[in-house]
């Protein structure tokens, strides 16, 4: 009889992990702490122990080195768990690695090295070719969820829109690289444009969200939504650096 489960002591599989990006303009602890307090408004559950990539490309390192243990501790105090650093100078990488953080490198497009073409005998000019129109991109299908999303459940639509046909309960989390559509009450957290798409939107037939996010910009509703929006059809989009929630009218 064959075994249905592997007896290997460990197996490695590909897994999708979502991390928020924290773009630092300073590595001064007091400045960072003040900014985090202002962002979260003192809400202890503004973040829910998400992984975080610290982007330090905008920091000025001429004023001193980074106290990585203190920076890590600061973000953890706000329920964010730093796992990697992006944009650090090459000379800092060993120090970063020594504190248990990874180096996150953005892939750059490959640049072809120009090569000198060998001389060839002159040939008659060929007739002008008419290029065919490029093929239309293949649309990425949306992820469709037909069942209620329970508290503590996290759903991620990688590279696609997310469509939910049932209630999203408090404590549940929806994440999509594209837009999020909820054809039922949205009572949990919804994060659209997770890969950085600032044009993504969130739509709900009954807007009751705890937190919404577009391309990393967050907004919470500790005191509830305005009466004209609460429990009504609404959409969320990014207007500059501000999260805008507006009514969907027939």
C-alpha atoms as a PDB file:
ATOM      1  CA  UNK A   1       0.000   0.000   0.000  1.00  0.00           C
ATOM      2  CA  UNK A   2       1.439   3.355  -0.998  1.00  0.00           C
ATOM      3  CA  UNK A   3       1.655   6.138   1.537  1.00  0.00           C
ATOM      4  CA  UNK A   4      -0.477   9.197   0.897  1.00  0.00           C
ATOM      5  CA  UNK A   5       1.880  11.463   2.823  1.00  0.00           C
ATOM      6  CA  UNK A   6       5.579  11.991   2.295  1.00  0.00           C
ATOM      7  CA  UNK A   7       7.896  10.691   5.005  1.00  0.00           C
ATOM      8  CA  UNK A   8      10.507  13.333   4.262  1.00  0.00           C
ATOM      9  CA  UNK A   9      11.445  15.346   7.380  1.00  0.00           C
ATOM     10  CA  UNK A  10      11.227  18.601   5.405  1.00  0.00           C
ATOM     11  CA  UNK A  11       9.902  19.729   2.046  1.00  0.00           C
ATOM     12  CA  UNK A  12      10.414  23.085   0.330  1.00  0.00           C
ATOM     13  CA  UNK A  13       7.544  24.471  -1.710  1.00  0.00           C
ATOM     14  CA  UNK A  14       6.876  27.787  -3.414  1.00  0.00           C
ATOM     15  CA  UNK A  15       4.667  30.003  -1.285  1.00  0.00           C
ATOM     16  CA  UNK A  16       3.211  33.462  -1.828  1.00  0.00           C
ATOM     17  CA  UNK A  17       4.226  35.878   0.918  1.00  0.00           C
ATOM     18  CA  UNK A  18       2.865  39.415   0.992  1.00  0.00           C
ATOM     19  CA  UNK A  19       4.990  42.140   2.552  1.00  0.00           C
ATOM     20  CA  UNK A  20       4.320  45.835   2.937  1.00  0.00           C
ATOM     21  CA  UNK A  21       6.981  48.319   1.861  1.00  0.00           C
ATOM     22  CA  UNK A  22       8.070  50.945   4.392  1.00  0.00           C
ATOM     23  CA  UNK A  23       9.756  53.834   2.556  1.00  0.00           C
ATOM     24  CA  UNK A  24      12.086  55.517   5.034  1.00  0.00           C
ATOM     25  CA  UNK A  25      13.227  59.103   4.550  1.00  0.00           C
ATOM     26  CA  UNK A  26      15.184  59.022   7.808  1.00  0.00           C
ATOM     27  CA  UNK A  27      16.726  56.400  10.074  1.00  0.00           C
ATOM     28  CA  UNK A  28      16.518  58.572  13.202  1.00  0.00           C
ATOM     29  CA  UNK A  29      14.557  56.560  15.770  1.00  0.00           C
ATOM     30  CA  UNK A  30      12.657  59.486  17.263  1.00  0.00           C
ATOM     31  CA  UNK A  31      11.636  60.691  13.806  1.00  0.00           C
ATOM     32  CA  UNK A  32      10.476  57.216  12.777  1.00  0.00           C
ATOM     33  CA  UNK A  33       8.556  56.692  16.009  1.00  0.00           C
ATOM     34  CA  UNK A  34       6.775  60.017  15.615  1.00  0.00           C
ATOM     35  CA  UNK A  35       5.871  59.227  12.019  1.00  0.00           C
ATOM     36  CA  UNK A  36       4.492  55.790  12.943  1.00  0.00           C
ATOM     37  CA  UNK A  37       2.414  57.244  15.773  1.00  0.00           C
ATOM     38  CA  UNK A  38       0.986  59.847  13.407  1.00  0.00           C
ATOM     39  CA  UNK A  39       0.253  57.216  10.735  1.00  0.00           C
ATOM     40  CA  UNK A  40      -1.468  54.727  13.023  1.00  0.00           C
ATOM     41  CA  UNK A  41      -3.262  57.276  15.176  1.00  0.00           C
ATOM     42  CA  UNK A  42      -2.375  55.188  18.203  1.00  0.00           C
ATOM     43  CA  UNK A  43      -4.480  52.238  16.999  1.00  0.00           C
ATOM     44  CA  UNK A  44      -2.792  49.071  18.348  1.00  0.00           C
ATOM     45  CA  UNK A  45      -4.195  46.917  15.528  1.00  0.00           C
ATOM     46  CA  UNK A  46      -3.436  49.251  12.612  1.00  0.00           C
ATOM     47  CA  UNK A  47      -1.014  46.591  11.332  1.00  0.00           C
ATOM     48  CA  UNK A  48      -1.569  42.891  11.864  1.00  0.00           C
ATOM     49  CA  UNK A  49       1.959  41.470  12.156  1.00  0.00           C
ATOM     50  CA  UNK A  50       2.622  41.842   8.407  1.00  0.00           C
ATOM     51  CA  UNK A  51       6.073  41.285   6.990  1.00  0.00           C
ATOM     52  CA  UNK A  52       7.793  44.535   6.013  1.00  0.00           C
ATOM     53  CA  UNK A  53      10.524  45.478   3.547  1.00  0.00           C
ATOM     54  CA  UNK A  54      12.414  48.593   4.697  1.00  0.00           C
ATOM     55  CA  UNK A  55      13.251  50.745   1.679  1.00  0.00           C
ATOM     56  CA  UNK A  56      16.095  53.039   2.783  1.00  0.00           C
ATOM     57  CA  UNK A  57      17.001  54.465  -0.628  1.00  0.00           C
ATOM     58  CA  UNK A  58      15.750  57.890   0.502  1.00  0.00           C
ATOM     59  CA  UNK A  59      17.828  58.029   3.705  1.00  0.00           C
ATOM     60  CA  UNK A  60      20.872  60.223   4.304  1.00  0.00           C
ATOM     61  CA  UNK A  61      23.569  58.003   5.805  1.00  0.00           C
ATOM     62  CA  UNK A  62      26.117  60.798   6.207  1.00  0.00           C
ATOM     63  CA  UNK A  63      24.754  61.524   9.683  1.00  0.00           C
ATOM     64  CA  UNK A  64      25.718  58.139  11.114  1.00  0.00           C
ATOM     65  CA  UNK A  65      25.124  54.420  10.863  1.00  0.00           C
ATOM     66  CA  UNK A  66      21.779  52.681  11.319  1.00  0.00           C
ATOM     67  CA  UNK A  67      20.976  51.038  14.642  1.00  0.00           C
ATOM     68  CA  UNK A  68      19.312  48.007  13.037  1.00  0.00           C
ATOM     69  CA  UNK A  69      18.276  46.229  16.274  1.00  0.00           C
ATOM     70  CA  UNK A  70      16.550  49.409  17.446  1.00  0.00           C
ATOM     71  CA  UNK A  71      14.868  49.982  14.064  1.00  0.00           C
ATOM     72  CA  UNK A  72      13.627  46.376  13.988  1.00  0.00           C
ATOM     73  CA  UNK A  73      12.331  46.672  17.554  1.00  0.00           C
ATOM     74  CA  UNK A  74      10.554  49.938  16.730  1.00  0.00           C
ATOM     75  CA  UNK A  75       8.655  48.488  13.775  1.00  0.00           C
ATOM     76  CA  UNK A  76       7.777  45.341  15.727  1.00  0.00           C
ATOM     77  CA  UNK A  77       6.254  47.533  18.423  1.00  0.00           C
ATOM     78  CA  UNK A  78       3.778  48.629  15.731  1.00  0.00           C
ATOM     79  CA  UNK A  79       3.064  45.002  14.677  1.00  0.00           C
ATOM     80  CA  UNK A  80       5.255  45.157  11.576  1.00  0.00           C
ATOM     81  CA  UNK A  81       7.957  42.507  11.200  1.00  0.00           C
ATOM     82  CA  UNK A  82      10.967  43.697   9.114  1.00  0.00           C
ATOM     83  CA  UNK A  83      12.338  40.844   7.011  1.00  0.00           C
ATOM     84  CA  UNK A  84      14.399  42.621   4.355  1.00  0.00           C
ATOM     85  CA  UNK A  85      16.044  45.907   3.397  1.00  0.00           C
ATOM     86  CA  UNK A  86      15.943  47.534  -0.018  1.00  0.00           C
ATOM     87  CA  UNK A  87      18.026  50.389  -1.415  1.00  0.00           C
ATOM     88  CA  UNK A  88      20.916  50.190   1.056  1.00  0.00           C
ATOM     89  CA  UNK A  89      24.488  51.028  -0.049  1.00  0.00           C
ATOM     90  CA  UNK A  90      26.607  47.983  -0.814  1.00  0.00           C
ATOM     91  CA  UNK A  91      28.880  48.717   2.150  1.00  0.00           C
ATOM     92  CA  UNK A  92      25.994  48.228   4.584  1.00  0.00           C
ATOM     93  CA  UNK A  93      24.868  44.824   3.335  1.00  0.00           C
ATOM     94  CA  UNK A  94      26.972  42.704   5.686  1.00  0.00           C
ATOM     95  CA  UNK A  95      25.774  44.692   8.697  1.00  0.00           C
ATOM     96  CA  UNK A  96      22.172  44.229   7.549  1.00  0.00           C
ATOM     97  CA  UNK A  97      22.621  40.480   7.044  1.00  0.00           C
ATOM     98  CA  UNK A  98      24.244  40.115  10.453  1.00  0.00           C
ATOM     99  CA  UNK A  99      20.998  41.291  12.081  1.00  0.00           C
ATOM    100  CA  UNK A 100      18.875  38.641  10.394  1.00  0.00           C
ATOM    101  CA  UNK A 101      17.505  40.792   7.560  1.00  0.00           C
ATOM    102  CA  UNK A 102      17.678  39.891   3.891  1.00  0.00           C
ATOM    103  CA  UNK A 103      18.737  42.141   1.029  1.00  0.00           C
ATOM    104  CA  UNK A 104      15.826  42.796  -1.300  1.00  0.00           C
ATOM    105  CA  UNK A 105      17.054  43.711  -4.780  1.00  0.00           C
ATOM    106  CA  UNK A 106      14.740  45.081  -7.437  1.00  0.00           C
ATOM    107  CA  UNK A 107      15.302  43.376 -10.754  1.00  0.00           C
ATOM    108  CA  UNK A 108      16.603  45.686 -13.457  1.00  0.00           C
ATOM    109  CA  UNK A 109      15.990  45.183 -17.153  1.00  0.00           C
ATOM    110  CA  UNK A 110      18.925  43.607 -18.902  1.00  0.00           C
ATOM    111  CA  UNK A 111      20.912  45.965 -21.080  1.00  0.00           C
ATOM    112  CA  UNK A 112      22.428  44.499 -24.166  1.00  0.00           C
ATOM    113  CA  UNK A 113      26.075  45.376 -24.791  1.00  0.00           C
ATOM    114  CA  UNK A 114      26.361  46.974 -28.199  1.00  0.00           C
ATOM    115  CA  UNK A 115      28.531  44.960 -30.518  1.00  0.00           C
ATOM    116  CA  UNK A 116      30.327  46.172 -33.577  1.00  0.00           C
ATOM    117  CA  UNK A 117      28.798  44.625 -36.667  1.00  0.00           C
ATOM    118  CA  UNK A 118      31.158  43.161 -39.233  1.00  0.00           C
ATOM    119  CA  UNK A 119      31.487  45.039 -42.477  1.00  0.00           C
ATOM    120  CA  UNK A 120      29.446  43.550 -45.318  1.00  0.00           C
ATOM    121  CA  UNK A 121      29.216  44.264 -48.986  1.00  0.00           C
ATOM    122  CA  UNK A 122      26.582  46.785 -49.959  1.00  0.00           C
ATOM    123  CA  UNK A 123      23.264  45.182 -50.784  1.00  0.00           C
ATOM    124  CA  UNK A 124      20.188  46.568 -52.480  1.00  0.00           C
ATOM    125  CA  UNK A 125      17.732  48.140 -50.067  1.00  0.00           C
ATOM    126  CA  UNK A 126      14.940  45.675 -49.286  1.00  0.00           C
ATOM    127  CA  UNK A 127      11.347  46.772 -49.709  1.00  0.00           C
ATOM    128  CA  UNK A 128       9.777  48.393 -46.655  1.00  0.00           C
ATOM    129  CA  UNK A 129       8.047  45.777 -44.548  1.00  0.00           C
ATOM    130  CA  UNK A 130       4.727  46.559 -42.904  1.00  0.00           C
ATOM    131  CA  UNK A 131       4.802  45.299 -39.344  1.00  0.00           C
ATOM    132  CA  UNK A 132       1.782  43.480 -38.071  1.00  0.00           C
ATOM    133  CA  UNK A 133      -0.009  45.030 -35.114  1.00  0.00           C
ATOM    134  CA  UNK A 134       1.183  43.543 -31.812  1.00  0.00           C
ATOM    135  CA  UNK A 135      -1.032  40.854 -30.411  1.00  0.00           C
ATOM    136  CA  UNK A 136      -3.374  41.948 -27.657  1.00  0.00           C
ATOM    137  CA  UNK A 137      -2.171  40.925 -24.201  1.00  0.00           C
ATOM    138  CA  UNK A 138      -3.830  37.877 -22.741  1.00  0.00           C
ATOM    139  CA  UNK A 139      -6.101  39.052 -19.915  1.00  0.00           C
ATOM    140  CA  UNK A 140      -5.375  37.646 -16.482  1.00  0.00           C
ATOM    141  CA  UNK A 141      -8.508  35.968 -15.098  1.00  0.00           C
ATOM    142  CA  UNK A 142      -9.863  37.244 -11.823  1.00  0.00           C
ATOM    143  CA  UNK A 143      -9.862  35.098  -8.711  1.00  0.00           C
ATOM    144  CA  UNK A 144     -13.488  34.473  -7.724  1.00  0.00           C
ATOM    145  CA  UNK A 145     -14.487  33.496  -4.179  1.00  0.00           C
ATOM    146  CA  UNK A 146     -18.064  32.234  -3.712  1.00  0.00           C
ATOM    147  CA  UNK A 147     -17.977  31.494   0.017  1.00  0.00           C
ATOM    148  CA  UNK A 148     -17.816  33.819   3.035  1.00  0.00           C
ATOM    149  CA  UNK A 149     -14.319  34.913   4.088  1.00  0.00           C
ATOM    150  CA  UNK A 150     -13.880  34.082   7.765  1.00  0.00           C
ATOM    151  CA  UNK A 151     -12.070  36.063  10.467  1.00  0.00           C
ATOM    152  CA  UNK A 152      -8.346  35.337  10.338  1.00  0.00           C
ATOM    153  CA  UNK A 153      -8.525  34.165   6.712  1.00  0.00           C
ATOM    154  CA  UNK A 154      -6.265  35.892   4.162  1.00  0.00           C
ATOM    155  CA  UNK A 155      -6.852  35.659   0.402  1.00  0.00           C
ATOM    156  CA  UNK A 156      -4.295  36.943  -2.121  1.00  0.00           C
ATOM    157  CA  UNK A 157      -5.058  37.334  -5.849  1.00  0.00           C
ATOM    158  CA  UNK A 158      -1.567  37.441  -7.318  1.00  0.00           C
ATOM    159  CA  UNK A 159      -1.403  39.393 -10.580  1.00  0.00           C
ATOM    160  CA  UNK A 160      -5.194  39.548 -10.835  1.00  0.00           C
ATOM    161  CA  UNK A 161      -8.391  41.144  -9.596  1.00  0.00           C
ATOM    162  CA  UNK A 162     -10.211  39.579  -6.671  1.00  0.00           C
ATOM    163  CA  UNK A 163     -13.991  39.081  -6.798  1.00  0.00           C
ATOM    164  CA  UNK A 164     -15.817  37.997  -3.639  1.00  0.00           C
ATOM    165  CA  UNK A 165     -19.493  36.999  -3.884  1.00  0.00           C
ATOM    166  CA  UNK A 166     -20.098  36.564  -0.155  1.00  0.00           C
ATOM    167  CA  UNK A 167     -19.613  38.469   3.085  1.00  0.00           C
ATOM    168  CA  UNK A 168     -16.098  39.379   4.223  1.00  0.00           C
ATOM    169  CA  UNK A 169     -16.190  39.085   8.013  1.00  0.00           C
ATOM    170  CA  UNK A 170     -14.329  41.301  10.523  1.00  0.00           C
ATOM    171  CA  UNK A 171     -10.735  40.137  10.903  1.00  0.00           C
ATOM    172  CA  UNK A 172     -10.560  38.730   7.357  1.00  0.00           C
ATOM    173  CA  UNK A 173      -8.099  40.160   4.839  1.00  0.00           C
ATOM    174  CA  UNK A 174      -8.364  40.495   1.061  1.00  0.00           C
ATOM    175  CA  UNK A 175      -5.238  41.265  -0.989  1.00  0.00           C
ATOM    176  CA  UNK A 176      -5.019  41.713  -4.763  1.00  0.00           C
ATOM    177  CA  UNK A 177      -2.456  43.056  -7.204  1.00  0.00           C
ATOM    178  CA  UNK A 178      -5.432  44.413  -9.164  1.00  0.00           C
ATOM    179  CA  UNK A 179      -8.849  45.635  -8.035  1.00  0.00           C
ATOM    180  CA  UNK A 180     -11.054  44.129  -5.333  1.00  0.00           C
ATOM    181  CA  UNK A 181     -14.807  43.663  -5.889  1.00  0.00           C
ATOM    182  CA  UNK A 182     -17.023  42.563  -3.006  1.00  0.00           C
ATOM    183  CA  UNK A 183     -20.658  41.910  -3.951  1.00  0.00           C
ATOM    184  CA  UNK A 184     -21.653  41.661  -0.287  1.00  0.00           C
ATOM    185  CA  UNK A 185     -20.762  43.417   2.976  1.00  0.00           C
ATOM    186  CA  UNK A 186     -17.033  44.185   3.286  1.00  0.00           C
ATOM    187  CA  UNK A 187     -16.321  44.136   7.019  1.00  0.00           C
ATOM    188  CA  UNK A 188     -12.652  43.120   7.070  1.00  0.00           C
ATOM    189  CA  UNK A 189      -9.487  44.539   5.525  1.00  0.00           C
ATOM    190  CA  UNK A 190      -9.028  45.098   1.780  1.00  0.00           C
ATOM    191  CA  UNK A 191      -5.640  45.867   0.161  1.00  0.00           C
ATOM    192  CA  UNK A 192      -5.757  46.479  -3.597  1.00  0.00           C
ATOM    193  CA  UNK A 193      -2.823  47.277  -5.898  1.00  0.00           C
ATOM    194  CA  UNK A 194      -0.561  45.258  -3.597  1.00  0.00           C
ATOM    195  CA  UNK A 195       2.247  45.165  -6.167  1.00  0.00           C
ATOM    196  CA  UNK A 196       2.208  48.965  -6.500  1.00  0.00           C
ATOM    197  CA  UNK A 197      -0.672  49.598  -8.941  1.00  0.00           C
ATOM    198  CA  UNK A 198      -1.920  53.039  -7.895  1.00  0.00           C
ATOM    199  CA  UNK A 199      -4.838  52.786 -10.364  1.00  0.00           C
ATOM    200  CA  UNK A 200      -6.395  49.835  -8.545  1.00  0.00           C
ATOM    201  CA  UNK A 201      -9.706  50.320  -6.737  1.00  0.00           C
ATOM    202  CA  UNK A 202     -11.887  48.617  -4.147  1.00  0.00           C
ATOM    203  CA  UNK A 203     -15.635  48.216  -4.710  1.00  0.00           C
ATOM    204  CA  UNK A 204     -18.187  46.965  -2.191  1.00  0.00           C
ATOM    205  CA  UNK A 205     -21.977  46.695  -2.185  1.00  0.00           C
ATOM    206  CA  UNK A 206     -21.925  47.423   1.537  1.00  0.00           C
ATOM    207  CA  UNK A 207     -18.873  49.333   2.732  1.00  0.00           C
ATOM    208  CA  UNK A 208     -18.117  48.431   6.359  1.00  0.00           C
ATOM    209  CA  UNK A 209     -14.334  47.943   6.107  1.00  0.00           C
ATOM    210  CA  UNK A 210     -11.928  48.017   9.037  1.00  0.00           C
ATOM    211  CA  UNK A 211      -9.030  49.084   6.821  1.00  0.00           C
ATOM    212  CA  UNK A 212      -8.537  49.783   3.118  1.00  0.00           C
ATOM    213  CA  UNK A 213      -5.321  50.218   1.164  1.00  0.00           C
ATOM    214  CA  UNK A 214      -4.370  51.162  -2.389  1.00  0.00           C
ATOM    215  CA  UNK A 215      -0.742  50.594  -3.483  1.00  0.00           C
ATOM    216  CA  UNK A 216       0.450  50.639   0.131  1.00  0.00           C
ATOM    217  CA  UNK A 217      -1.458  53.751   1.282  1.00  0.00           C
ATOM    218  CA  UNK A 218      -3.700  52.917   4.246  1.00  0.00           C
ATOM    219  CA  UNK A 219      -6.834  54.298   5.828  1.00  0.00           C
ATOM    220  CA  UNK A 220      -8.632  52.950   8.883  1.00  0.00           C
ATOM    221  CA  UNK A 221     -12.126  53.624  10.208  1.00  0.00           C
ATOM    222  CA  UNK A 222     -11.902  53.399  13.990  1.00  0.00           C
ATOM    223  CA  UNK A 223     -14.744  55.914  14.386  1.00  0.00           C
ATOM    224  CA  UNK A 224     -16.741  54.410  11.536  1.00  0.00           C
ATOM    225  CA  UNK A 225     -17.486  55.548   8.022  1.00  0.00           C
ATOM    226  CA  UNK A 226     -19.463  58.723   7.287  1.00  0.00           C
ATOM    227  CA  UNK A 227     -23.245  58.073   7.390  1.00  0.00           C
ATOM    228  CA  UNK A 228     -23.611  58.638   3.641  1.00  0.00           C
ATOM    229  CA  UNK A 229     -21.103  55.807   2.973  1.00  0.00           C
ATOM    230  CA  UNK A 230     -21.553  53.329   5.819  1.00  0.00           C
ATOM    231  CA  UNK A 231     -23.235  50.067   4.740  1.00  0.00           C
ATOM    232  CA  UNK A 232     -23.836  51.463   1.260  1.00  0.00           C
ATOM    233  CA  UNK A 233     -22.298  50.797  -2.190  1.00  0.00           C
ATOM    234  CA  UNK A 234     -18.945  52.589  -2.276  1.00  0.00           C
ATOM    235  CA  UNK A 235     -15.570  52.594  -3.969  1.00  0.00           C
ATOM    236  CA  UNK A 236     -12.061  53.303  -2.717  1.00  0.00           C
ATOM    237  CA  UNK A 237      -9.333  54.831  -4.862  1.00  0.00           C
ATOM    238  CA  UNK A 238      -6.051  56.692  -4.497  1.00  0.00           C
ATOM    239  CA  UNK A 239      -6.196  60.465  -5.058  1.00  0.00           C
ATOM    240  CA  UNK A 240      -2.615  61.716  -4.933  1.00  0.00           C
ATOM    241  CA  UNK A 241      -1.349  60.536  -1.561  1.00  0.00           C
ATOM    242  CA  UNK A 242      -4.829  60.320  -0.024  1.00  0.00           C
ATOM    243  CA  UNK A 243      -7.275  57.428   0.154  1.00  0.00           C
ATOM    244  CA  UNK A 244     -10.657  58.579  -1.170  1.00  0.00           C
ATOM    245  CA  UNK A 245     -13.903  56.749  -0.357  1.00  0.00           C
ATOM    246  CA  UNK A 246     -16.936  57.745  -2.396  1.00  0.00           C
ATOM    247  CA  UNK A 247     -20.467  56.558  -3.007  1.00  0.00           C
ATOM    248  CA  UNK A 248     -21.395  54.445  -6.036  1.00  0.00           C
ATOM    249  CA  UNK A 249     -24.586  55.885  -7.411  1.00  0.00           C
ATOM    250  CA  UNK A 250     -26.838  54.143  -9.904  1.00  0.00           C
END
